Structures are given as C-alpha cells and as structure tokens.
Protein backbone atom coordinates (compact mmCIF):
# COMPACT_ATOMS: atom_id res chain seq x y z
CA UNK A 1 0.00 0.00 0.00
CA UNK A 2 1.18 3.52 -0.80
CA UNK A 3 -0.12 6.91 0.31
CA UNK A 4 -1.24 9.20 -2.54
CA UNK A 5 -2.31 12.84 -2.51
CA UNK A 6 -5.91 12.64 -3.69
CA UNK A 7 -7.45 16.09 -3.21
CA UNK A 8 -7.45 19.10 -0.95
CA UNK A 9 -10.12 19.82 1.61
CA UNK A 10 -11.01 22.90 -0.50
CA UNK A 11 -11.98 20.52 -3.33
CA UNK A 12 -15.04 19.67 -1.22
CA UNK A 13 -16.12 23.29 -0.73
CA UNK A 14 -19.51 22.79 -2.41
CA UNK A 15 -19.49 18.97 -2.62
CA UNK A 16 -19.74 15.94 -0.40
CA UNK A 17 -18.30 13.49 -2.98
CA UNK A 18 -15.42 13.61 -5.39
CA UNK A 19 -14.24 11.14 -8.04
CA UNK A 20 -10.49 10.78 -8.53
CA UNK A 21 -8.30 8.45 -10.55
CA UNK A 22 -5.01 7.62 -8.88
CA UNK A 23 -2.46 5.21 -10.34
CA UNK A 24 -5.15 3.27 -12.20
CA UNK A 25 -7.59 3.18 -9.27
CA UNK A 26 -11.04 4.79 -9.57
CA UNK A 27 -11.61 6.21 -6.07
CA UNK A 28 -14.63 7.90 -4.53
CA UNK A 29 -13.85 10.40 -1.80
CA UNK A 30 -16.59 11.40 0.63
CA UNK A 31 -16.88 14.18 3.18
CA UNK A 32 -19.35 13.44 5.93
CA UNK A 33 -19.47 16.35 8.35
CA UNK A 34 -15.73 17.04 8.70
CA UNK A 35 -14.55 13.45 8.25
CA UNK A 36 -13.27 11.98 4.98
CA UNK A 37 -13.68 8.45 3.62
CA UNK A 38 -12.60 6.62 0.46
CA UNK A 39 -14.04 3.65 -1.42
CA UNK A 40 -13.72 2.22 -4.87
CA UNK A 41 -15.75 4.37 -7.25
CA UNK A 42 -17.11 1.47 -9.34
CA UNK A 43 -20.19 -0.38 -8.10
CA UNK A 44 -19.46 -4.04 -7.40
CA UNK A 45 -22.75 -5.05 -9.05
CA UNK A 46 -22.37 -3.43 -12.47
CA UNK A 47 -20.30 -0.69 -14.04
CA UNK A 48 -21.52 2.57 -12.50
CA UNK A 49 -19.68 5.39 -10.78
CA UNK A 50 -20.67 5.65 -7.14
CA UNK A 51 -20.02 9.39 -7.20
CA UNK A 52 -22.89 9.68 -9.72
CA UNK A 53 -25.14 8.26 -7.01
CA UNK A 54 -26.82 9.71 -3.95
CA UNK A 55 -25.05 10.16 -0.61
CA UNK A 56 -27.36 10.06 2.40
CA UNK A 57 -25.56 10.23 5.73
CA UNK A 58 -22.88 7.56 5.53
CA UNK A 59 -24.65 5.56 2.80
CA UNK A 60 -24.01 5.81 -0.93
CA UNK A 61 -26.66 4.63 -3.39
CA UNK A 62 -25.53 3.37 -6.78
CA UNK A 63 -27.17 5.36 -9.59
CA UNK A 64 -27.74 2.29 -11.78
CA UNK A 65 -29.66 -0.26 -9.68
CA UNK A 66 -29.85 1.51 -6.31
CA UNK A 67 -27.58 -0.82 -4.36
CA UNK A 68 -26.71 0.87 -1.06
CA UNK A 69 -23.29 0.70 0.60
CA UNK A 70 -21.86 2.00 3.87
CA UNK A 71 -19.00 4.34 2.87
CA UNK A 72 -17.20 3.72 6.18
CA UNK A 73 -17.01 -0.06 5.81
CA UNK A 74 -17.94 -0.77 2.17
CA UNK A 75 -20.65 -3.15 3.44
CA UNK A 76 -23.65 -3.79 1.19
CA UNK A 77 -26.73 -2.55 3.04
CA UNK A 78 -29.25 -3.25 0.27
CA UNK A 79 -28.90 -5.21 -2.98
CA UNK A 80 -28.77 -6.13 -5.74
CA UNK A 81 -25.01 -5.89 -5.06
CA UNK A 82 -23.57 -8.72 -2.99
CA UNK A 83 -19.89 -7.77 -2.84
CA UNK A 84 -18.77 -4.82 -0.66
CA UNK A 85 -16.99 -1.78 -2.03
CA UNK A 86 -13.26 -1.70 -1.33
CA UNK A 87 -12.43 0.89 1.34
CA UNK A 88 -9.14 2.73 1.66
CA UNK A 89 -7.50 4.45 4.62
CA UNK A 90 -7.58 8.25 4.58
CA UNK A 91 -5.54 10.86 6.37
CA UNK A 92 -5.70 14.63 6.19
CA UNK A 93 -2.57 16.72 6.69
CA UNK A 94 -2.38 20.49 6.13
CA UNK A 95 -5.60 20.49 4.06
CA UNK A 96 -4.30 17.66 1.83
CA UNK A 97 -6.40 14.48 1.64
CA UNK A 98 -4.25 11.36 1.29
CA UNK A 99 -5.46 7.87 0.34
CA UNK A 100 -3.58 4.62 0.99
CA UNK A 101 -3.94 2.47 -2.15
CA UNK A 102 -2.61 -0.96 -3.17
CA UNK A 103 0.52 -0.89 -5.28
C-alpha cells in the first residue's frame, strides 16, 4: 500500500463526494461532516460510478440499480449488489487528503 495525494479539503467546498483516478484506481472520496472516507468508485454489481449516485448520511446509493453501501465499511446494506466496495484508509494533513492504495 502507498499513500497518494488525492485532493485538498477545498476541493469539497460545495461537494460531499469527489471522483479521482489515482495510479489506475477509480476512487470515490466522501466528506461526511468534517470526516473523509474513500471507497472504490465502481459499483461491485455493475459498471456505474458511485459518485454519480446519492449520498445520504454515511450511505451511498448506486445510480444504476440503487444498491446501497456503507461508505465507512464498504458493506452492502441493500442489494442487488452482494460484494462490498473496497475501502481505503484516509488521512488529512495540512488540508491535503491522502489515500492509501494498493501498489
């Protein structure tokens, strides 16, 4: 795993989700209150970007078939998806959001 600069906290000024591509990984970044989270940005059910979906609290709903995932754990809360989203560690230092991704 390697830490990557993914965004700045200012990138979330008017948003609660942000899609980024880092070293071949499609990553969804979320801001819930003042805490940041990261998951894979591709639904595990079918090809859809999670950041095109609807964030409600700490749940993200896929825009294609409305599968619901917990952004903190990746857990599937409602199908049709069966496989959880990958989750990635986040840290924030000096307004820089870092994500720890597999090599």
